Amino acid sequence: GMLRMGQWFRAVSPAVVRGMLAGI
């Protein structure tokens, strides 16, 4: 957060994020 990397953590394909949540 101090290094201003907040936006980078959002740079993940929606298919991967949704797949991660569904897998969980």
mmCIF file of all heavy atoms, coordinates in Angstrom:
data_MODEL
# 
_entry.id   MODEL 
# 
loop_
_atom_site.group_PDB 
_atom_site.id 
_atom_site.type_symbol 
_atom_site.label_atom_id 
_atom_site.label_alt_id 
_atom_site.label_comp_id 
_atom_site.label_asym_id 
_atom_site.label_entity_id 
_atom_site.label_seq_id 
_atom_site.pdbx_PDB_ins_code 
_atom_site.Cartn_x 
_atom_site.Cartn_y 
_atom_site.Cartn_z 
_atom_site.occupancy 
_atom_site.B_iso_or_equiv 
_atom_site.pdbx_formal_charge 
_atom_site.auth_seq_id 
_atom_site.auth_comp_id 
_atom_site.auth_asym_id 
_atom_site.auth_atom_id 
_atom_site.pdbx_PDB_model_num 
ATOM 1   N N   . GLY A 1 1  ? 0.813   -1.209  0.000   1.00 0.00 ? 1  GLY A N   1 
ATOM 2   C CA  . GLY A 1 1  ? 0.000   0.000   0.000   1.00 0.00 ? 1  GLY A CA  1 
ATOM 3   C C   . GLY A 1 1  ? 0.844   1.256   0.000   1.00 0.00 ? 1  GLY A C   1 
ATOM 4   O O   . GLY A 1 1  ? 0.548   2.221   -0.718  1.00 0.00 ? 1  GLY A O   1 
ATOM 5   N N   . MET A 1 2  ? 1.925   1.266   0.792   1.00 0.00 ? 2  MET A N   1 
ATOM 6   C CA  . MET A 1 2  ? 2.818   2.428   0.848   1.00 0.00 ? 2  MET A CA  1 
ATOM 7   C C   . MET A 1 2  ? 3.552   2.625   -0.479  1.00 0.00 ? 2  MET A C   1 
ATOM 8   O O   . MET A 1 2  ? 3.887   3.755   -0.848  1.00 0.00 ? 2  MET A O   1 
ATOM 9   C CB  . MET A 1 2  ? 3.814   2.257   1.988   1.00 0.00 ? 2  MET A CB  1 
ATOM 10  C CG  . MET A 1 2  ? 3.165   2.267   3.371   1.00 0.00 ? 2  MET A CG  1 
ATOM 11  S SD  . MET A 1 2  ? 4.345   1.939   4.699   1.00 0.00 ? 2  MET A SD  1 
ATOM 12  C CE  . MET A 1 2  ? 5.365   3.416   4.621   1.00 0.00 ? 2  MET A CE  1 
ATOM 13  N N   . LEU A 1 3  ? 3.797   1.523   -1.200  1.00 0.00 ? 3  LEU A N   1 
ATOM 14  C CA  . LEU A 1 3  ? 4.471   1.599   -2.505  1.00 0.00 ? 3  LEU A CA  1 
ATOM 15  C C   . LEU A 1 3  ? 3.477   1.839   -3.645  1.00 0.00 ? 3  LEU A C   1 
ATOM 16  O O   . LEU A 1 3  ? 3.844   1.734   -4.812  1.00 0.00 ? 3  LEU A O   1 
ATOM 17  C CB  . LEU A 1 3  ? 5.252   0.302   -2.759  1.00 0.00 ? 3  LEU A CB  1 
ATOM 18  C CG  . LEU A 1 3  ? 6.438   0.052   -1.818  1.00 0.00 ? 3  LEU A CG  1 
ATOM 19  C CD1 . LEU A 1 3  ? 7.012   -1.339  -2.040  1.00 0.00 ? 3  LEU A CD1 1 
ATOM 20  C CD2 . LEU A 1 3  ? 7.519   1.112   -2.010  1.00 0.00 ? 3  LEU A CD2 1 
ATOM 21  N N   . ARG A 1 4  ? 2.234   2.109   -3.297  1.00 0.00 ? 4  ARG A N   1 
ATOM 22  C CA  . ARG A 1 4  ? 1.175   2.427   -4.273  1.00 0.00 ? 4  ARG A CA  1 
ATOM 23  C C   . ARG A 1 4  ? 0.960   1.295   -5.280  1.00 0.00 ? 4  ARG A C   1 
ATOM 24  O O   . ARG A 1 4  ? 0.871   1.509   -6.488  1.00 0.00 ? 4  ARG A O   1 
ATOM 25  C CB  . ARG A 1 4  ? 1.502   3.742   -5.008  1.00 0.00 ? 4  ARG A CB  1 
ATOM 26  C CG  . ARG A 1 4  ? 1.615   4.934   -4.077  1.00 0.00 ? 4  ARG A CG  1 
ATOM 27  C CD  . ARG A 1 4  ? 1.818   6.224   -4.832  1.00 0.00 ? 4  ARG A CD  1 
ATOM 28  N NE  . ARG A 1 4  ? 1.912   7.349   -3.938  1.00 0.00 ? 4  ARG A NE  1 
ATOM 29  C CZ  . ARG A 1 4  ? 0.869   7.988   -3.394  1.00 0.00 ? 4  ARG A CZ  1 
ATOM 30  N NH1 . ARG A 1 4  ? -0.364  7.570   -3.675  1.00 0.00 ? 4  ARG A NH1 1 
ATOM 31  N NH2 . ARG A 1 4  ? 1.041   9.024   -2.587  1.00 0.00 ? 4  ARG A NH2 1 
ATOM 32  N N   . MET A 1 5  ? 0.858   0.086   -4.748  1.00 0.00 ? 5  MET A N   1 
ATOM 33  C CA  . MET A 1 5  ? 0.640   -1.090  -5.596  1.00 0.00 ? 5  MET A CA  1 
ATOM 34  C C   . MET A 1 5  ? -0.814  -1.544  -5.579  1.00 0.00 ? 5  MET A C   1 
ATOM 35  O O   . MET A 1 5  ? -1.128  -2.641  -6.044  1.00 0.00 ? 5  MET A O   1 
ATOM 36  C CB  . MET A 1 5  ? 1.553   -2.233  -5.137  1.00 0.00 ? 5  MET A CB  1 
ATOM 37  C CG  . MET A 1 5  ? 3.027   -1.937  -5.285  1.00 0.00 ? 5  MET A CG  1 
ATOM 38  S SD  . MET A 1 5  ? 4.068   -3.252  -4.600  1.00 0.00 ? 5  MET A SD  1 
ATOM 39  C CE  . MET A 1 5  ? 3.616   -4.630  -5.654  1.00 0.00 ? 5  MET A CE  1 
ATOM 40  N N   . GLY A 1 6  ? -1.698  -0.717  -5.040  1.00 0.00 ? 6  GLY A N   1 
ATOM 41  C CA  . GLY A 1 6  ? -3.095  -1.114  -4.906  1.00 0.00 ? 6  GLY A CA  1 
ATOM 42  C C   . GLY A 1 6  ? -3.740  -1.491  -6.223  1.00 0.00 ? 6  GLY A C   1 
ATOM 43  O O   . GLY A 1 6  ? -4.476  -2.477  -6.314  1.00 0.00 ? 6  GLY A O   1 
ATOM 44  N N   . GLN A 1 7  ? -3.472  -0.712  -7.275  1.00 0.00 ? 7  GLN A N   1 
ATOM 45  C CA  . GLN A 1 7  ? -4.094  -0.994  -8.564  1.00 0.00 ? 7  GLN A CA  1 
ATOM 46  C C   . GLN A 1 7  ? -3.581  -2.296  -9.172  1.00 0.00 ? 7  GLN A C   1 
ATOM 47  O O   . GLN A 1 7  ? -4.307  -2.992  -9.879  1.00 0.00 ? 7  GLN A O   1 
ATOM 48  C CB  . GLN A 1 7  ? -3.822  0.160   -9.535  1.00 0.00 ? 7  GLN A CB  1 
ATOM 49  C CG  . GLN A 1 7  ? -4.452  1.479   -9.130  1.00 0.00 ? 7  GLN A CG  1 
ATOM 50  C CD  . GLN A 1 7  ? -5.960  1.485   -9.262  1.00 0.00 ? 7  GLN A CD  1 
ATOM 51  O OE1 . GLN A 1 7  ? -6.543  0.586   -9.853  1.00 0.00 ? 7  GLN A OE1 1 
ATOM 52  N NE2 . GLN A 1 7  ? -6.616  2.488   -8.686  1.00 0.00 ? 7  GLN A NE2 1 
ATOM 53  N N   . TRP A 1 8  ? -2.319  -2.661  -8.885  1.00 0.00 ? 8  TRP A N   1 
ATOM 54  C CA  . TRP A 1 8  ? -1.745  -3.858  -9.489  1.00 0.00 ? 8  TRP A CA  1 
ATOM 55  C C   . TRP A 1 8  ? -2.427  -5.128  -9.000  1.00 0.00 ? 8  TRP A C   1 
ATOM 56  O O   . TRP A 1 8  ? -2.482  -6.120  -9.722  1.00 0.00 ? 8  TRP A O   1 
ATOM 57  C CB  . TRP A 1 8  ? -0.250  -3.924  -9.198  1.00 0.00 ? 8  TRP A CB  1 
ATOM 58  C CG  . TRP A 1 8  ? 0.535   -2.961  -10.027 1.00 0.00 ? 8  TRP A CG  1 
ATOM 59  C CD1 . TRP A 1 8  ? 1.004   -1.737  -9.639  1.00 0.00 ? 8  TRP A CD1 1 
ATOM 60  C CD2 . TRP A 1 8  ? 0.909   -3.108  -11.404 1.00 0.00 ? 8  TRP A CD2 1 
ATOM 61  N NE1 . TRP A 1 8  ? 1.651   -1.121  -10.684 1.00 0.00 ? 8  TRP A NE1 1 
ATOM 62  C CE2 . TRP A 1 8  ? 1.613   -1.945  -11.780 1.00 0.00 ? 8  TRP A CE2 1 
ATOM 63  C CE3 . TRP A 1 8  ? 0.712   -4.109  -12.355 1.00 0.00 ? 8  TRP A CE3 1 
ATOM 64  C CZ2 . TRP A 1 8  ? 2.119   -1.768  -13.057 1.00 0.00 ? 8  TRP A CZ2 1 
ATOM 65  C CZ3 . TRP A 1 8  ? 1.223   -3.933  -13.627 1.00 0.00 ? 8  TRP A CZ3 1 
ATOM 66  C CH2 . TRP A 1 8  ? 1.918   -2.775  -13.968 1.00 0.00 ? 8  TRP A CH2 1 
ATOM 67  N N   . PHE A 1 9  ? -2.910  -5.105  -7.760  1.00 0.00 ? 9  PHE A N   1 
ATOM 68  C CA  . PHE A 1 9  ? -3.576  -6.295  -7.233  1.00 0.00 ? 9  PHE A CA  1 
ATOM 69  C C   . PHE A 1 9  ? -4.913  -6.550  -7.922  1.00 0.00 ? 9  PHE A C   1 
ATOM 70  O O   . PHE A 1 9  ? -5.503  -7.608  -7.755  1.00 0.00 ? 9  PHE A O   1 
ATOM 71  C CB  . PHE A 1 9  ? -3.785  -6.162  -5.724  1.00 0.00 ? 9  PHE A CB  1 
ATOM 72  C CG  . PHE A 1 9  ? -2.578  -6.519  -4.915  1.00 0.00 ? 9  PHE A CG  1 
ATOM 73  C CD1 . PHE A 1 9  ? -1.667  -5.553  -4.539  1.00 0.00 ? 9  PHE A CD1 1 
ATOM 74  C CD2 . PHE A 1 9  ? -2.341  -7.829  -4.547  1.00 0.00 ? 9  PHE A CD2 1 
ATOM 75  C CE1 . PHE A 1 9  ? -0.547  -5.883  -3.802  1.00 0.00 ? 9  PHE A CE1 1 
ATOM 76  C CE2 . PHE A 1 9  ? -1.224  -8.171  -3.804  1.00 0.00 ? 9  PHE A CE2 1 
ATOM 77  C CZ  . PHE A 1 9  ? -0.316  -7.197  -3.429  1.00 0.00 ? 9  PHE A CZ  1 
ATOM 78  N N   . ARG A 1 10 ? -5.374  -5.568  -8.680  1.00 0.00 ? 10 ARG A N   1 
ATOM 79  C CA  . ARG A 1 10 ? -6.635  -5.751  -9.410  1.00 0.00 ? 10 ARG A CA  1 
ATOM 80  C C   . ARG A 1 10 ? -6.396  -6.279  -10.819 1.00 0.00 ? 10 ARG A C   1 
ATOM 81  O O   . ARG A 1 10 ? -7.340  -6.600  -11.527 1.00 0.00 ? 10 ARG A O   1 
ATOM 82  C CB  . ARG A 1 10 ? -7.378  -4.420  -9.496  1.00 0.00 ? 10 ARG A CB  1 
ATOM 83  C CG  . ARG A 1 10 ? -7.674  -3.805  -8.142  1.00 0.00 ? 10 ARG A CG  1 
ATOM 84  C CD  . ARG A 1 10 ? -8.257  -2.423  -8.283  1.00 0.00 ? 10 ARG A CD  1 
ATOM 85  N NE  . ARG A 1 10 ? -9.539  -2.457  -8.945  1.00 0.00 ? 10 ARG A NE  1 
ATOM 86  C CZ  . ARG A 1 10 ? -10.038 -1.450  -9.653  1.00 0.00 ? 10 ARG A CZ  1 
ATOM 87  N NH1 . ARG A 1 10 ? -9.358  -0.340  -9.802  1.00 0.00 ? 10 ARG A NH1 1 
ATOM 88  N NH2 . ARG A 1 10 ? -11.222 -1.549  -10.222 1.00 0.00 ? 10 ARG A NH2 1 
ATOM 89  N N   . ALA A 1 11 ? -5.109  -6.358  -11.227 1.00 0.00 ? 11 ALA A N   1 
ATOM 90  C CA  . ALA A 1 11 ? -4.779  -6.759  -12.597 1.00 0.00 ? 11 ALA A CA  1 
ATOM 91  C C   . ALA A 1 11 ? -4.770  -8.272  -12.748 1.00 0.00 ? 11 ALA A C   1 
ATOM 92  O O   . ALA A 1 11 ? -3.743  -8.876  -13.053 1.00 0.00 ? 11 ALA A O   1 
ATOM 93  C CB  . ALA A 1 11 ? -3.428  -6.168  -12.988 1.00 0.00 ? 11 ALA A CB  1 
ATOM 94  N N   . VAL A 1 12 ? -5.906  -8.888  -12.482 1.00 0.00 ? 12 VAL A N   1 
ATOM 95  C CA  . VAL A 1 12 ? -6.061  -10.333 -12.623 1.00 0.00 ? 12 VAL A CA  1 
ATOM 96  C C   . VAL A 1 12 ? -7.301  -10.586 -13.474 1.00 0.00 ? 12 VAL A C   1 
ATOM 97  O O   . VAL A 1 12 ? -8.317  -9.908  -13.320 1.00 0.00 ? 12 VAL A O   1 
ATOM 98  C CB  . VAL A 1 12 ? -6.205  -11.024 -11.249 1.00 0.00 ? 12 VAL A CB  1 
ATOM 99  C CG1 . VAL A 1 12 ? -6.319  -12.531 -11.424 1.00 0.00 ? 12 VAL A CG1 1 
ATOM 100 C CG2 . VAL A 1 12 ? -5.027  -10.694 -10.351 1.00 0.00 ? 12 VAL A CG2 1 
ATOM 101 N N   . SER A 1 13 ? -7.187  -11.544 -14.375 1.00 0.00 ? 13 SER A N   1 
ATOM 102 C CA  . SER A 1 13 ? -8.307  -11.868 -15.252 1.00 0.00 ? 13 SER A CA  1 
ATOM 103 C C   . SER A 1 13 ? -9.560  -12.184 -14.442 1.00 0.00 ? 13 SER A C   1 
ATOM 104 O O   . SER A 1 13 ? -9.501  -12.932 -13.463 1.00 0.00 ? 13 SER A O   1 
ATOM 105 C CB  . SER A 1 13 ? -7.946  -13.075 -16.122 1.00 0.00 ? 13 SER A CB  1 
ATOM 106 O OG  . SER A 1 13 ? -9.097  -13.603 -16.753 1.00 0.00 ? 13 SER A OG  1 
ATOM 107 N N   . PRO A 1 14 ? -10.717 -11.622 -14.816 1.00 0.00 ? 14 PRO A N   1 
ATOM 108 C CA  . PRO A 1 14 ? -11.974 -11.943 -14.108 1.00 0.00 ? 14 PRO A CA  1 
ATOM 109 C C   . PRO A 1 14 ? -12.264 -13.435 -14.076 1.00 0.00 ? 14 PRO A C   1 
ATOM 110 O O   . PRO A 1 14 ? -12.826 -13.944 -13.106 1.00 0.00 ? 14 PRO A O   1 
ATOM 111 C CB  . PRO A 1 14 ? -13.033 -11.181 -14.916 1.00 0.00 ? 14 PRO A CB  1 
ATOM 112 C CG  . PRO A 1 14 ? -12.281 -10.062 -15.561 1.00 0.00 ? 14 PRO A CG  1 
ATOM 113 C CD  . PRO A 1 14 ? -10.915 -10.601 -15.859 1.00 0.00 ? 14 PRO A CD  1 
ATOM 114 N N   . ALA A 1 15 ? -11.873 -14.155 -15.130 1.00 0.00 ? 15 ALA A N   1 
ATOM 115 C CA  . ALA A 1 15 ? -12.109 -15.605 -15.156 1.00 0.00 ? 15 ALA A CA  1 
ATOM 116 C C   . ALA A 1 15 ? -11.340 -16.294 -14.040 1.00 0.00 ? 15 ALA A C   1 
ATOM 117 O O   . ALA A 1 15 ? -11.829 -17.247 -13.421 1.00 0.00 ? 15 ALA A O   1 
ATOM 118 C CB  . ALA A 1 15 ? -11.698 -16.179 -16.511 1.00 0.00 ? 15 ALA A CB  1 
ATOM 119 N N   . VAL A 1 16 ? -10.113 -15.814 -13.762 1.00 0.00 ? 16 VAL A N   1 
ATOM 120 C CA  . VAL A 1 16 ? -9.304  -16.403 -12.694 1.00 0.00 ? 16 VAL A CA  1 
ATOM 121 C C   . VAL A 1 16 ? -9.898  -16.058 -11.330 1.00 0.00 ? 16 VAL A C   1 
ATOM 122 O O   . VAL A 1 16 ? -9.999  -16.919 -10.447 1.00 0.00 ? 16 VAL A O   1 
ATOM 123 C CB  . VAL A 1 16 ? -7.840  -15.917 -12.779 1.00 0.00 ? 16 VAL A CB  1 
ATOM 124 C CG1 . VAL A 1 16 ? -7.024  -16.484 -11.620 1.00 0.00 ? 16 VAL A CG1 1 
ATOM 125 C CG2 . VAL A 1 16 ? -7.223  -16.329 -14.102 1.00 0.00 ? 16 VAL A CG2 1 
ATOM 126 N N   . VAL A 1 17 ? -10.302 -14.800 -11.161 1.00 0.00 ? 17 VAL A N   1 
ATOM 127 C CA  . VAL A 1 17 ? -10.868 -14.369 -9.874  1.00 0.00 ? 17 VAL A CA  1 
ATOM 128 C C   . VAL A 1 17 ? -12.165 -15.125 -9.584  1.00 0.00 ? 17 VAL A C   1 
ATOM 129 O O   . VAL A 1 17 ? -12.359 -15.662 -8.486  1.00 0.00 ? 17 VAL A O   1 
ATOM 130 C CB  . VAL A 1 17 ? -11.125 -12.844 -9.877  1.00 0.00 ? 17 VAL A CB  1 
ATOM 131 C CG1 . VAL A 1 17 ? -11.851 -12.434 -8.599  1.00 0.00 ? 17 VAL A CG1 1 
ATOM 132 C CG2 . VAL A 1 17 ? -9.813  -12.094 -10.011 1.00 0.00 ? 17 VAL A CG2 1 
ATOM 133 N N   . ARG A 1 18 ? -13.049 -15.186 -10.571 1.00 0.00 ? 18 ARG A N   1 
ATOM 134 C CA  . ARG A 1 18 ? -14.309 -15.907 -10.368 1.00 0.00 ? 18 ARG A CA  1 
ATOM 135 C C   . ARG A 1 18 ? -14.062 -17.393 -10.161 1.00 0.00 ? 18 ARG A C   1 
ATOM 136 O O   . ARG A 1 18 ? -14.730 -18.051 -9.369  1.00 0.00 ? 18 ARG A O   1 
ATOM 137 C CB  . ARG A 1 18 ? -15.233 -15.693 -11.575 1.00 0.00 ? 18 ARG A CB  1 
ATOM 138 C CG  . ARG A 1 18 ? -15.592 -14.238 -11.839 1.00 0.00 ? 18 ARG A CG  1 
ATOM 139 C CD  . ARG A 1 18 ? -16.234 -13.600 -10.636 1.00 0.00 ? 18 ARG A CD  1 
ATOM 140 N NE  . ARG A 1 18 ? -16.490 -12.185 -10.842 1.00 0.00 ? 18 ARG A NE  1 
ATOM 141 C CZ  . ARG A 1 18 ? -16.857 -11.339 -9.881  1.00 0.00 ? 18 ARG A CZ  1 
ATOM 142 N NH1 . ARG A 1 18 ? -16.983 -11.795 -8.649  1.00 0.00 ? 18 ARG A NH1 1 
ATOM 143 N NH2 . ARG A 1 18 ? -17.063 -10.073 -10.126 1.00 0.00 ? 18 ARG A NH2 1 
ATOM 144 N N   . GLY A 1 19 ? -13.087 -17.932 -10.884 1.00 0.00 ? 19 GLY A N   1 
ATOM 145 C CA  . GLY A 1 19 ? -12.739 -19.336 -10.696 1.00 0.00 ? 19 GLY A CA  1 
ATOM 146 C C   . GLY A 1 19 ? -12.169 -19.600 -9.322  1.00 0.00 ? 19 GLY A C   1 
ATOM 147 O O   . GLY A 1 19 ? -12.449 -20.640 -8.706  1.00 0.00 ? 19 GLY A O   1 
ATOM 148 N N   . MET A 1 20 ? -11.359 -18.654 -8.828  1.00 0.00 ? 20 MET A N   1 
ATOM 149 C CA  . MET A 1 20 ? -10.804 -18.791 -7.481  1.00 0.00 ? 20 MET A CA  1 
ATOM 150 C C   . MET A 1 20 ? -11.918 -18.815 -6.438  1.00 0.00 ? 20 MET A C   1 
ATOM 151 O O   . MET A 1 20 ? -11.936 -19.683 -5.554  1.00 0.00 ? 20 MET A O   1 
ATOM 152 C CB  . MET A 1 20 ? -9.844  -17.638 -7.188  1.00 0.00 ? 20 MET A CB  1 
ATOM 153 C CG  . MET A 1 20 ? -9.235  -17.675 -5.788  1.00 0.00 ? 20 MET A CG  1 
ATOM 154 S SD  . MET A 1 20 ? -8.286  -16.189 -5.390  1.00 0.00 ? 20 MET A SD  1 
ATOM 155 C CE  . MET A 1 20 ? -9.611  -14.997 -5.120  1.00 0.00 ? 20 MET A CE  1 
ATOM 156 N N   . LEU A 1 21 ? -12.854 -17.887 -6.556  1.00 0.00 ? 21 LEU A N   1 
ATOM 157 C CA  . LEU A 1 21 ? -13.952 -17.833 -5.591  1.00 0.00 ? 21 LEU A CA  1 
ATOM 158 C C   . LEU A 1 21 ? -14.833 -19.079 -5.683  1.00 0.00 ? 21 LEU A C   1 
ATOM 159 O O   . LEU A 1 21 ? -15.258 -19.628 -4.659  1.00 0.00 ? 21 LEU A O   1 
ATOM 160 C CB  . LEU A 1 21 ? -14.792 -16.577 -5.831  1.00 0.00 ? 21 LEU A CB  1 
ATOM 161 C CG  . LEU A 1 21 ? -14.086 -15.241 -5.568  1.00 0.00 ? 21 LEU A CG  1 
ATOM 162 C CD1 . LEU A 1 21 ? -14.988 -14.071 -5.930  1.00 0.00 ? 21 LEU A CD1 1 
ATOM 163 C CD2 . LEU A 1 21 ? -13.648 -15.135 -4.105  1.00 0.00 ? 21 LEU A CD2 1 
ATOM 164 N N   . ALA A 1 22 ? -15.086 -19.543 -6.910  1.00 0.00 ? 22 ALA A N   1 
ATOM 165 C CA  . ALA A 1 22 ? -15.906 -20.747 -7.075  1.00 0.00 ? 22 ALA A CA  1 
ATOM 166 C C   . ALA A 1 22 ? -15.186 -21.972 -6.526  1.00 0.00 ? 22 ALA A C   1 
ATOM 167 O O   . ALA A 1 22 ? -15.803 -22.836 -5.888  1.00 0.00 ? 22 ALA A O   1 
ATOM 168 C CB  . ALA A 1 22 ? -16.240 -20.956 -8.548  1.00 0.00 ? 22 ALA A CB  1 
ATOM 169 N N   . GLY A 1 23 ? -13.872 -22.062 -6.760  1.00 0.00 ? 23 GLY A N   1 
ATOM 170 C CA  . GLY A 1 23 ? -13.090 -23.177 -6.214  1.00 0.00 ? 23 GLY A CA  1 
ATOM 171 C C   . GLY A 1 23 ? -13.126 -23.189 -4.705  1.00 0.00 ? 23 GLY A C   1 
ATOM 172 O O   . GLY A 1 23 ? -13.287 -24.249 -4.074  1.00 0.00 ? 23 GLY A O   1 
ATOM 173 N N   . ILE A 1 24 ? -12.986 -22.011 -4.108  1.00 0.00 ? 24 ILE A N   1 
ATOM 174 C CA  . ILE A 1 24 ? -13.086 -21.894 -2.655  1.00 0.00 ? 24 ILE A CA  1 
ATOM 175 C C   . ILE A 1 24 ? -14.473 -22.316 -2.192  1.00 0.00 ? 24 ILE A C   1 
ATOM 176 O O   . ILE A 1 24 ? -14.637 -23.013 -1.183  1.00 0.00 ? 24 ILE A O   1 
ATOM 177 C CB  . ILE A 1 24 ? -12.772 -20.454 -2.206  1.00 0.00 ? 24 ILE A CB  1 
ATOM 178 C CG1 . ILE A 1 24 ? -11.284 -20.148 -2.423  1.00 0.00 ? 24 ILE A CG1 1 
ATOM 179 C CG2 . ILE A 1 24 ? -13.140 -20.240 -0.742  1.00 0.00 ? 24 ILE A CG2 1 
ATOM 180 C CD1 . ILE A 1 24 ? -10.928 -18.695 -2.239  1.00 0.00 ? 24 ILE A CD1 1 
# 
